[in-house]
């Protein structure tokens, strides 16, 4: 029998998210395991895409064993689902338009972690702001980190979190 935070494959299911006030602007990232650990962090000047990658990177480098990363970022999920990274490496870290890959400093360690054991890490997409409890939790943690420029870590669900961001707004809720 699997626990709520464990996939049928025995992997730990971790939700990740990033947030940014402005793009670029103060950013925050977060990851959480249902009923388990969570962590968040901040960057003074970042972009939403950077924070999405940072959240996944922090999760896969912190958690041991097999990990199912669940993200509302198609940027992160599609990189692995569609194997964008294979082309980036083959072209010397340039994209299909022959331009340097954006956020390479974050992609490199995430891709290296994946390549070290491709069976250890799986990426899945979840629709953001759709009522998924865990996606909403990491959204709230990332928004808080971006707004306060402070991260946190712990177990379970923090009782003192504000609400999630409001999609479609450039300035988010703060």
N, C-alpha and C. Protein backbone atom coordinates (compact mmCIF):
# COMPACT_ATOMS: atom_id res chain seq x y z
N UNK A 1 0.85 -1.19 0.00
CA UNK A 1 0.00 0.00 0.00
C UNK A 1 0.89 1.25 0.00
N UNK A 2 0.48 2.26 -0.76
CA UNK A 2 1.27 3.49 -0.84
C UNK A 2 0.67 4.55 0.08
N UNK A 3 1.52 5.46 0.53
CA UNK A 3 1.07 6.57 1.36
C UNK A 3 0.59 7.69 0.44
N UNK A 4 -0.09 8.72 0.97
CA UNK A 4 -0.59 9.80 0.11
C UNK A 4 0.52 10.52 -0.66
N UNK A 5 1.74 10.51 -0.14
CA UNK A 5 2.82 11.21 -0.82
C UNK A 5 3.75 10.26 -1.56
N UNK A 6 3.25 9.04 -1.81
CA UNK A 6 4.05 8.07 -2.52
C UNK A 6 3.26 7.55 -3.71
N UNK A 7 3.88 7.55 -4.88
CA UNK A 7 3.24 7.05 -6.08
C UNK A 7 3.21 5.53 -6.04
N UNK A 8 2.39 4.93 -6.88
CA UNK A 8 2.32 3.48 -6.97
C UNK A 8 3.69 2.89 -7.31
N UNK A 9 4.55 3.67 -7.93
CA UNK A 9 5.89 3.21 -8.30
C UNK A 9 6.84 3.22 -7.11
N UNK A 10 6.39 3.69 -5.95
CA UNK A 10 7.26 3.81 -4.78
C UNK A 10 7.98 5.14 -4.74
N UNK A 11 7.73 6.00 -5.70
CA UNK A 11 8.39 7.31 -5.74
C UNK A 11 7.70 8.29 -4.80
N UNK A 12 8.46 9.22 -4.29
CA UNK A 12 7.91 10.33 -3.52
C UNK A 12 7.32 11.33 -4.51
N UNK A 13 6.08 11.73 -4.29
CA UNK A 13 5.42 12.71 -5.14
C UNK A 13 5.66 14.08 -4.51
N UNK A 14 6.32 14.96 -5.27
CA UNK A 14 6.63 16.29 -4.77
C UNK A 14 6.04 17.32 -5.73
N UNK A 15 5.34 18.29 -5.19
CA UNK A 15 4.77 19.38 -5.98
C UNK A 15 5.73 20.56 -5.92
N UNK A 16 5.88 21.26 -7.04
CA UNK A 16 6.79 22.40 -7.11
C UNK A 16 6.09 23.59 -7.76
N UNK A 17 6.54 24.79 -7.40
CA UNK A 17 6.00 25.99 -8.04
C UNK A 17 6.96 27.15 -7.85
N UNK A 18 6.83 28.12 -8.72
CA UNK A 18 7.59 29.35 -8.65
C UNK A 18 6.66 30.53 -8.78
N UNK A 19 7.07 31.67 -8.24
CA UNK A 19 6.26 32.89 -8.32
C UNK A 19 7.20 34.09 -8.46
N UNK A 20 6.69 35.14 -9.05
CA UNK A 20 7.49 36.34 -9.23
C UNK A 20 6.58 37.56 -9.22
N UNK A 21 7.00 38.61 -8.53
CA UNK A 21 6.26 39.87 -8.53
C UNK A 21 6.86 40.73 -9.63
N UNK A 22 6.19 40.76 -10.76
CA UNK A 22 6.78 41.34 -11.95
C UNK A 22 7.60 40.26 -12.61
N UNK A 23 8.04 40.49 -13.79
CA UNK A 23 8.79 39.45 -14.50
C UNK A 23 9.80 40.13 -15.41
N UNK A 24 10.97 40.56 -14.91
CA UNK A 24 11.58 40.14 -13.65
C UNK A 24 11.10 40.94 -12.45
N UNK A 25 11.42 40.38 -11.29
CA UNK A 25 11.08 40.99 -10.02
C UNK A 25 11.47 40.07 -8.89
N UNK A 26 11.04 40.38 -7.66
CA UNK A 26 11.32 39.49 -6.54
C UNK A 26 10.64 38.14 -6.77
N UNK A 27 11.41 37.06 -6.60
CA UNK A 27 10.89 35.74 -6.88
C UNK A 27 10.88 34.83 -5.68
N UNK A 28 10.08 33.77 -5.79
CA UNK A 28 10.02 32.74 -4.77
C UNK A 28 9.79 31.38 -5.40
N UNK A 29 10.28 30.35 -4.76
CA UNK A 29 10.09 28.97 -5.22
C UNK A 29 9.66 28.13 -4.03
N UNK A 30 9.03 26.98 -4.30
CA UNK A 30 8.61 26.09 -3.22
C UNK A 30 8.44 24.68 -3.74
N UNK A 31 8.61 23.73 -2.83
CA UNK A 31 8.27 22.34 -3.09
C UNK A 31 7.65 21.76 -1.82
N UNK A 32 6.79 20.75 -1.98
CA UNK A 32 6.14 20.12 -0.83
C UNK A 32 5.71 18.71 -1.17
N UNK A 33 5.80 17.86 -0.17
CA UNK A 33 5.33 16.48 -0.23
C UNK A 33 4.09 16.40 0.66
N UNK A 34 2.99 15.87 0.15
CA UNK A 34 1.75 15.79 0.91
C UNK A 34 1.97 15.08 2.24
N UNK A 35 1.63 15.76 3.32
CA UNK A 35 1.78 15.20 4.64
C UNK A 35 3.23 15.07 5.09
N UNK A 36 4.15 15.64 4.33
CA UNK A 36 5.57 15.50 4.63
C UNK A 36 6.28 16.83 4.63
N UNK A 37 7.48 16.80 4.13
CA UNK A 37 8.35 17.97 4.15
C UNK A 37 7.94 19.01 3.12
N UNK A 38 8.35 20.26 3.39
CA UNK A 38 8.21 21.34 2.43
C UNK A 38 9.39 22.29 2.61
N UNK A 39 9.66 23.06 1.56
CA UNK A 39 10.69 24.09 1.63
C UNK A 39 10.37 25.18 0.62
N UNK A 40 10.83 26.38 0.91
CA UNK A 40 10.69 27.49 -0.02
C UNK A 40 11.92 28.37 0.10
N UNK A 41 12.11 29.22 -0.90
CA UNK A 41 13.22 30.15 -0.89
C UNK A 41 12.93 31.32 -1.80
N UNK A 42 13.83 32.29 -1.82
CA UNK A 42 13.57 33.54 -2.54
C UNK A 42 14.79 33.99 -3.31
N UNK A 43 14.55 34.84 -4.29
CA UNK A 43 15.60 35.52 -5.05
C UNK A 43 15.17 36.96 -5.24
N UNK A 44 16.10 37.89 -5.00
CA UNK A 44 15.76 39.31 -5.05
C UNK A 44 15.30 39.76 -6.43
N UNK A 45 15.94 39.28 -7.47
CA UNK A 45 15.57 39.65 -8.84
C UNK A 45 15.59 38.38 -9.68
N UNK A 46 14.42 37.99 -10.15
CA UNK A 46 14.31 36.74 -10.88
C UNK A 46 13.17 36.82 -11.87
N UNK A 47 12.86 35.69 -12.48
CA UNK A 47 11.71 35.56 -13.37
C UNK A 47 10.89 34.36 -12.92
N UNK A 48 9.66 34.30 -13.35
CA UNK A 48 8.80 33.17 -13.00
C UNK A 48 9.42 31.86 -13.50
N UNK A 49 9.94 31.85 -14.72
CA UNK A 49 10.53 30.63 -15.25
C UNK A 49 11.73 30.17 -14.42
N UNK A 50 12.56 31.09 -14.01
CA UNK A 50 13.71 30.72 -13.17
C UNK A 50 13.24 30.11 -11.85
N UNK A 51 12.21 30.68 -11.27
CA UNK A 51 11.72 30.16 -10.00
C UNK A 51 11.08 28.78 -10.16
N UNK A 52 10.43 28.54 -11.29
CA UNK A 52 9.87 27.21 -11.57
C UNK A 52 10.98 26.16 -11.66
N UNK A 53 12.06 26.49 -12.36
CA UNK A 53 13.19 25.56 -12.48
C UNK A 53 13.85 25.37 -11.12
N UNK A 54 14.06 26.47 -10.39
CA UNK A 54 14.70 26.39 -9.07
C UNK A 54 13.92 25.47 -8.14
N UNK A 55 12.60 25.57 -8.17
CA UNK A 55 11.77 24.71 -7.30
C UNK A 55 12.00 23.23 -7.62
N UNK A 56 12.00 22.89 -8.89
CA UNK A 56 12.24 21.49 -9.27
C UNK A 56 13.64 21.05 -8.89
N UNK A 57 14.62 21.91 -9.13
CA UNK A 57 16.01 21.59 -8.79
C UNK A 57 16.16 21.36 -7.29
N UNK A 58 15.59 22.24 -6.48
CA UNK A 58 15.68 22.09 -5.03
C UNK A 58 15.04 20.79 -4.57
N UNK A 59 13.90 20.44 -5.15
CA UNK A 59 13.21 19.20 -4.76
C UNK A 59 14.04 17.97 -5.10
N UNK A 60 14.52 17.89 -6.34
CA UNK A 60 15.23 16.66 -6.75
C UNK A 60 16.60 16.53 -6.10
N UNK A 61 17.21 17.63 -5.69
CA UNK A 61 18.51 17.54 -5.03
C UNK A 61 18.37 17.37 -3.51
N UNK A 62 17.19 17.62 -2.97
CA UNK A 62 16.97 17.46 -1.54
C UNK A 62 16.41 16.08 -1.20
N UNK A 63 15.47 15.60 -2.00
CA UNK A 63 14.79 14.35 -1.69
C UNK A 63 15.57 13.15 -2.21
N UNK A 64 15.62 12.12 -1.40
CA UNK A 64 16.30 10.89 -1.79
C UNK A 64 15.34 9.94 -2.49
N UNK A 65 15.90 9.00 -3.22
CA UNK A 65 15.10 7.97 -3.87
C UNK A 65 14.38 8.47 -5.09
N UNK A 66 13.42 7.67 -5.55
CA UNK A 66 12.65 8.03 -6.75
C UNK A 66 11.71 9.17 -6.44
N UNK A 67 11.60 10.10 -7.39
CA UNK A 67 10.82 11.32 -7.19
C UNK A 67 9.93 11.57 -8.41
N UNK A 68 8.65 11.80 -8.17
CA UNK A 68 7.71 12.27 -9.19
C UNK A 68 7.50 13.75 -8.94
N UNK A 69 8.03 14.59 -9.81
CA UNK A 69 7.88 16.04 -9.68
C UNK A 69 6.60 16.45 -10.40
N UNK A 70 5.69 17.06 -9.68
CA UNK A 70 4.42 17.52 -10.25
C UNK A 70 4.47 19.04 -10.28
N UNK A 71 4.35 19.61 -11.48
CA UNK A 71 4.51 21.04 -11.67
C UNK A 71 3.43 21.59 -12.58
N UNK A 72 3.05 22.85 -12.36
CA UNK A 72 2.12 23.50 -13.29
C UNK A 72 2.88 24.26 -14.37
N UNK A 73 4.19 24.07 -14.42
CA UNK A 73 5.03 24.73 -15.42
C UNK A 73 5.25 23.83 -16.63
N UNK A 74 4.66 24.19 -17.76
CA UNK A 74 4.92 23.42 -18.97
C UNK A 74 6.38 23.58 -19.38
N UNK A 75 6.98 24.70 -19.04
CA UNK A 75 8.40 24.95 -19.33
C UNK A 75 9.27 23.86 -18.71
N UNK A 76 9.03 23.53 -17.46
CA UNK A 76 9.81 22.50 -16.77
C UNK A 76 9.41 21.11 -17.27
N UNK A 77 8.12 20.81 -17.26
CA UNK A 77 7.66 19.46 -17.62
C UNK A 77 8.00 19.12 -19.06
N UNK A 78 7.77 20.05 -19.99
CA UNK A 78 8.03 19.75 -21.40
C UNK A 78 9.51 19.58 -21.71
N UNK A 79 10.37 20.22 -20.94
CA UNK A 79 11.81 20.04 -21.14
C UNK A 79 12.18 18.57 -21.04
N UNK A 80 11.55 17.86 -20.14
CA UNK A 80 11.86 16.44 -19.95
C UNK A 80 10.93 15.55 -20.76
N UNK A 81 9.65 15.88 -20.81
CA UNK A 81 8.70 15.06 -21.59
C UNK A 81 9.07 15.05 -23.06
N UNK A 82 9.41 16.23 -23.60
CA UNK A 82 9.74 16.36 -25.02
C UNK A 82 11.24 16.30 -25.29
N UNK A 83 12.01 16.11 -24.23
CA UNK A 83 13.46 15.94 -24.32
C UNK A 83 14.17 17.13 -24.98
N UNK A 84 13.71 18.35 -24.66
CA UNK A 84 14.37 19.55 -25.17
C UNK A 84 15.85 19.54 -24.82
N UNK A 85 16.16 19.07 -23.63
CA UNK A 85 17.52 19.08 -23.12
C UNK A 85 18.48 18.30 -24.03
N UNK A 86 18.00 17.27 -24.68
CA UNK A 86 18.86 16.48 -25.57
C UNK A 86 19.35 17.36 -26.72
N UNK A 87 18.44 18.12 -27.31
CA UNK A 87 18.82 19.05 -28.38
C UNK A 87 19.74 20.15 -27.88
N UNK A 88 19.47 20.66 -26.69
CA UNK A 88 20.32 21.71 -26.14
C UNK A 88 21.76 21.22 -26.01
N UNK A 89 21.92 20.02 -25.48
CA UNK A 89 23.26 19.46 -25.32
C UNK A 89 23.92 19.21 -26.67
N UNK A 90 23.17 18.66 -27.60
CA UNK A 90 23.72 18.35 -28.94
C UNK A 90 24.16 19.62 -29.67
N UNK A 91 23.45 20.72 -29.41
CA UNK A 91 23.77 21.99 -30.07
C UNK A 91 24.67 22.88 -29.23
N UNK A 92 25.26 22.35 -28.17
CA UNK A 92 26.14 23.17 -27.34
C UNK A 92 25.40 24.23 -26.56
N UNK A 93 24.28 23.88 -25.95
CA UNK A 93 23.47 24.78 -25.15
C UNK A 93 22.89 25.95 -25.94
N UNK A 94 22.47 25.65 -27.16
CA UNK A 94 21.67 26.61 -27.93
C UNK A 94 20.32 25.96 -28.20
N UNK A 95 19.31 26.81 -28.35
CA UNK A 95 17.97 26.29 -28.62
C UNK A 95 17.76 26.08 -30.11
N UNK A 96 16.56 25.69 -30.48
CA UNK A 96 16.28 25.40 -31.89
C UNK A 96 16.39 26.65 -32.77
N UNK A 97 16.35 27.85 -32.18
CA UNK A 97 16.53 29.09 -32.93
C UNK A 97 17.99 29.54 -32.93
N UNK A 98 18.88 28.66 -32.47
CA UNK A 98 20.34 28.90 -32.44
C UNK A 98 20.74 30.02 -31.46
N UNK A 99 19.89 30.25 -30.46
CA UNK A 99 20.17 31.24 -29.42
C UNK A 99 20.56 30.50 -28.14
N UNK A 100 21.33 31.15 -27.27
CA UNK A 100 21.70 30.49 -26.01
C UNK A 100 20.45 30.10 -25.20
N UNK A 101 20.48 28.94 -24.59
CA UNK A 101 19.38 28.47 -23.76
C UNK A 101 19.26 29.38 -22.55
N UNK A 102 18.07 29.93 -22.35
CA UNK A 102 17.81 30.78 -21.19
C UNK A 102 17.87 29.93 -19.91
N UNK A 103 18.38 30.51 -18.86
CA UNK A 103 18.42 29.88 -17.54
C UNK A 103 19.33 28.66 -17.49
N UNK A 104 20.34 28.66 -18.32
CA UNK A 104 21.26 27.52 -18.39
C UNK A 104 21.86 27.19 -17.02
N UNK A 105 22.14 28.22 -16.21
CA UNK A 105 22.75 27.98 -14.91
C UNK A 105 21.88 27.12 -14.00
N UNK A 106 20.57 27.14 -14.21
CA UNK A 106 19.65 26.29 -13.44
C UNK A 106 19.35 24.98 -14.15
N UNK A 107 19.24 25.05 -15.47
CA UNK A 107 18.97 23.84 -16.24
C UNK A 107 20.10 22.82 -16.11
N UNK A 108 21.35 23.29 -16.16
CA UNK A 108 22.48 22.35 -16.13
C UNK A 108 22.45 21.42 -14.92
N UNK A 109 22.33 21.92 -13.69
CA UNK A 109 22.30 20.97 -12.57
C UNK A 109 21.03 20.12 -12.53
N UNK A 110 19.90 20.65 -12.97
CA UNK A 110 18.67 19.85 -12.99
C UNK A 110 18.79 18.72 -14.01
N UNK A 111 19.30 19.05 -15.19
CA UNK A 111 19.48 18.02 -16.22
C UNK A 111 20.54 17.01 -15.78
N UNK A 112 21.60 17.47 -15.12
CA UNK A 112 22.63 16.56 -14.63
C UNK A 112 22.04 15.59 -13.61
N UNK A 113 21.18 16.08 -12.73
CA UNK A 113 20.54 15.20 -11.74
C UNK A 113 19.68 14.16 -12.45
N UNK A 114 18.97 14.59 -13.47
CA UNK A 114 18.12 13.67 -14.24
C UNK A 114 18.98 12.64 -14.97
N UNK A 115 20.02 13.10 -15.64
CA UNK A 115 20.88 12.21 -16.42
C UNK A 115 21.63 11.20 -15.55
N UNK A 116 21.91 11.56 -14.30
CA UNK A 116 22.62 10.65 -13.40
C UNK A 116 21.84 9.36 -13.18
N UNK A 117 20.50 9.44 -13.22
CA UNK A 117 19.65 8.26 -13.07
C UNK A 117 18.26 8.61 -13.60
N UNK A 118 18.06 8.48 -14.91
CA UNK A 118 16.77 8.88 -15.51
C UNK A 118 15.56 8.14 -14.94
N UNK A 119 15.75 6.97 -14.37
CA UNK A 119 14.62 6.25 -13.79
C UNK A 119 14.24 6.80 -12.41
N UNK A 120 15.08 7.65 -11.82
CA UNK A 120 14.82 8.19 -10.49
C UNK A 120 13.84 9.36 -10.51
N UNK A 121 13.83 10.14 -11.58
CA UNK A 121 13.04 11.37 -11.61
C UNK A 121 12.04 11.34 -12.76
N UNK A 122 10.80 11.63 -12.45
CA UNK A 122 9.75 11.73 -13.46
C UNK A 122 9.05 13.07 -13.28
N UNK A 123 8.63 13.67 -14.38
CA UNK A 123 7.95 14.96 -14.34
C UNK A 123 6.53 14.81 -14.84
N UNK A 124 5.58 15.40 -14.11
CA UNK A 124 4.17 15.39 -14.51
C UNK A 124 3.62 16.80 -14.41
N UNK A 125 2.67 17.11 -15.27
CA UNK A 125 2.05 18.43 -15.28
C UNK A 125 0.72 18.38 -14.55
N UNK A 126 0.41 19.46 -13.83
CA UNK A 126 -0.89 19.66 -13.21
C UNK A 126 -1.34 21.07 -13.59
N UNK A 127 -2.60 21.21 -13.87
CA UNK A 127 -3.14 22.54 -14.19
C UNK A 127 -3.10 23.42 -12.94
N UNK A 128 -2.50 24.58 -13.07
CA UNK A 128 -2.43 25.51 -11.96
C UNK A 128 -3.78 26.14 -11.67
N UNK A 129 -4.00 26.51 -10.42
CA UNK A 129 -5.21 27.22 -10.00
C UNK A 129 -6.47 26.45 -10.35
N UNK A 130 -6.38 25.13 -10.22
CA UNK A 130 -7.52 24.28 -10.57
C UNK A 130 -8.11 23.56 -9.37
N UNK A 131 -7.69 23.96 -8.17
CA UNK A 131 -8.22 23.34 -6.97
C UNK A 131 -7.41 22.16 -6.46
N UNK A 132 -6.28 21.86 -7.08
CA UNK A 132 -5.41 20.80 -6.57
C UNK A 132 -4.79 21.31 -5.27
N UNK A 133 -5.04 20.64 -4.17
CA UNK A 133 -4.63 21.11 -2.85
C UNK A 133 -3.12 21.29 -2.75
N UNK A 134 -2.36 20.35 -3.28
CA UNK A 134 -0.90 20.45 -3.17
C UNK A 134 -0.35 21.52 -4.10
N UNK A 135 -0.92 21.67 -5.28
CA UNK A 135 -0.47 22.73 -6.18
C UNK A 135 -0.77 24.09 -5.56
N UNK A 136 -1.92 24.21 -4.92
CA UNK A 136 -2.26 25.46 -4.24
C UNK A 136 -1.30 25.73 -3.08
N UNK A 137 -0.91 24.68 -2.35
CA UNK A 137 0.01 24.86 -1.23
C UNK A 137 1.36 25.39 -1.70
N UNK A 138 1.95 24.77 -2.74
CA UNK A 138 3.26 25.25 -3.18
C UNK A 138 3.15 26.63 -3.82
N UNK A 139 2.02 26.93 -4.43
CA UNK A 139 1.80 28.28 -4.96
C UNK A 139 1.83 29.28 -3.81
N UNK A 140 1.13 28.98 -2.74
CA UNK A 140 1.08 29.89 -1.59
C UNK A 140 2.46 30.06 -0.95
N UNK A 141 3.21 28.95 -0.85
CA UNK A 141 4.56 29.04 -0.29
C UNK A 141 5.48 29.88 -1.18
N UNK A 142 5.39 29.70 -2.50
CA UNK A 142 6.23 30.46 -3.43
C UNK A 142 5.86 31.94 -3.42
N UNK A 143 4.57 32.24 -3.40
CA UNK A 143 4.11 33.63 -3.34
C UNK A 143 4.60 34.29 -2.06
N UNK A 144 4.49 33.59 -0.93
CA UNK A 144 4.97 34.12 0.34
C UNK A 144 6.47 34.41 0.29
N UNK A 145 7.24 33.46 -0.26
CA UNK A 145 8.70 33.64 -0.34
C UNK A 145 9.06 34.84 -1.21
N UNK A 146 8.34 35.01 -2.32
CA UNK A 146 8.61 36.15 -3.19
C UNK A 146 8.26 37.46 -2.49
N UNK A 147 7.14 37.48 -1.80
CA UNK A 147 6.68 38.70 -1.14
C UNK A 147 7.55 39.09 0.05
N UNK A 148 7.98 38.11 0.84
CA UNK A 148 8.74 38.40 2.05
C UNK A 148 10.24 38.31 1.83
N UNK A 149 10.64 37.70 0.71
CA UNK A 149 12.05 37.43 0.42
C UNK A 149 12.69 36.56 1.51
N UNK A 150 11.87 35.66 2.05
CA UNK A 150 12.35 34.70 3.05
C UNK A 150 11.76 33.34 2.72
N UNK A 151 12.58 32.32 2.85
CA UNK A 151 12.11 30.96 2.68
C UNK A 151 11.77 30.35 4.03
N UNK A 152 11.24 29.17 3.96
CA UNK A 152 10.95 28.41 5.18
C UNK A 152 10.99 26.94 4.83
N UNK A 153 11.07 26.10 5.85
CA UNK A 153 10.99 24.67 5.66
C UNK A 153 10.34 24.05 6.87
N UNK A 154 9.79 22.86 6.68
CA UNK A 154 9.14 22.19 7.80
C UNK A 154 8.45 20.93 7.35
N UNK A 155 7.51 20.49 8.18
CA UNK A 155 6.72 19.29 7.94
C UNK A 155 5.25 19.68 7.95
N UNK A 156 4.46 18.99 7.13
CA UNK A 156 3.01 19.22 7.11
C UNK A 156 2.64 20.47 6.34
N UNK A 157 1.54 21.10 6.74
CA UNK A 157 1.05 22.30 6.07
C UNK A 157 1.13 23.48 7.03
N UNK A 158 1.87 24.53 6.68
CA UNK A 158 1.93 25.70 7.56
C UNK A 158 0.55 26.33 7.72
N UNK A 159 0.19 26.68 8.94
CA UNK A 159 -1.13 27.23 9.21
C UNK A 159 -1.21 28.73 8.91
N UNK A 160 -0.08 29.39 8.77
CA UNK A 160 -0.07 30.85 8.67
C UNK A 160 0.21 31.38 7.26
N UNK A 161 -0.14 30.61 6.24
CA UNK A 161 0.09 31.05 4.86
C UNK A 161 -1.05 31.93 4.37
N UNK A 162 -0.71 32.88 3.52
CA UNK A 162 -1.73 33.68 2.86
C UNK A 162 -2.35 32.88 1.71
N UNK A 163 -3.15 33.53 0.92
CA UNK A 163 -3.81 32.87 -0.20
C UNK A 163 -2.90 32.72 -1.40
N UNK A 164 -3.36 31.98 -2.40
CA UNK A 164 -2.58 31.82 -3.62
C UNK A 164 -2.56 33.10 -4.44
N UNK A 165 -1.67 33.13 -5.44
CA UNK A 165 -1.63 34.31 -6.30
C UNK A 165 -2.88 34.36 -7.16
N UNK A 166 -3.02 35.45 -7.87
CA UNK A 166 -4.16 35.60 -8.76
C UNK A 166 -3.63 35.56 -10.19
N UNK A 167 -3.94 34.47 -10.92
CA UNK A 167 -3.40 34.34 -12.27
C UNK A 167 -3.83 35.48 -13.18
N UNK A 168 -2.93 35.81 -14.09
CA UNK A 168 -3.23 36.85 -15.06
C UNK A 168 -2.84 38.24 -14.61
N UNK A 169 -2.39 38.39 -13.37
CA UNK A 169 -1.97 39.69 -12.87
C UNK A 169 -0.46 39.77 -12.92
N UNK A 170 0.05 40.85 -13.44
CA UNK A 170 1.49 41.04 -13.53
C UNK A 170 2.10 41.19 -12.16
N UNK A 171 1.43 41.85 -11.27
CA UNK A 171 2.00 42.15 -9.96
C UNK A 171 1.59 41.18 -8.88
N UNK A 172 0.94 40.12 -9.22
CA UNK A 172 0.48 39.13 -8.26
C UNK A 172 -0.37 39.80 -7.18
N UNK A 173 -0.35 39.30 -5.97
CA UNK A 173 -1.27 39.82 -4.95
C UNK A 173 -0.61 40.76 -3.95
N UNK A 174 0.67 41.00 -4.05
CA UNK A 174 1.29 41.84 -3.03
C UNK A 174 1.68 43.15 -3.59
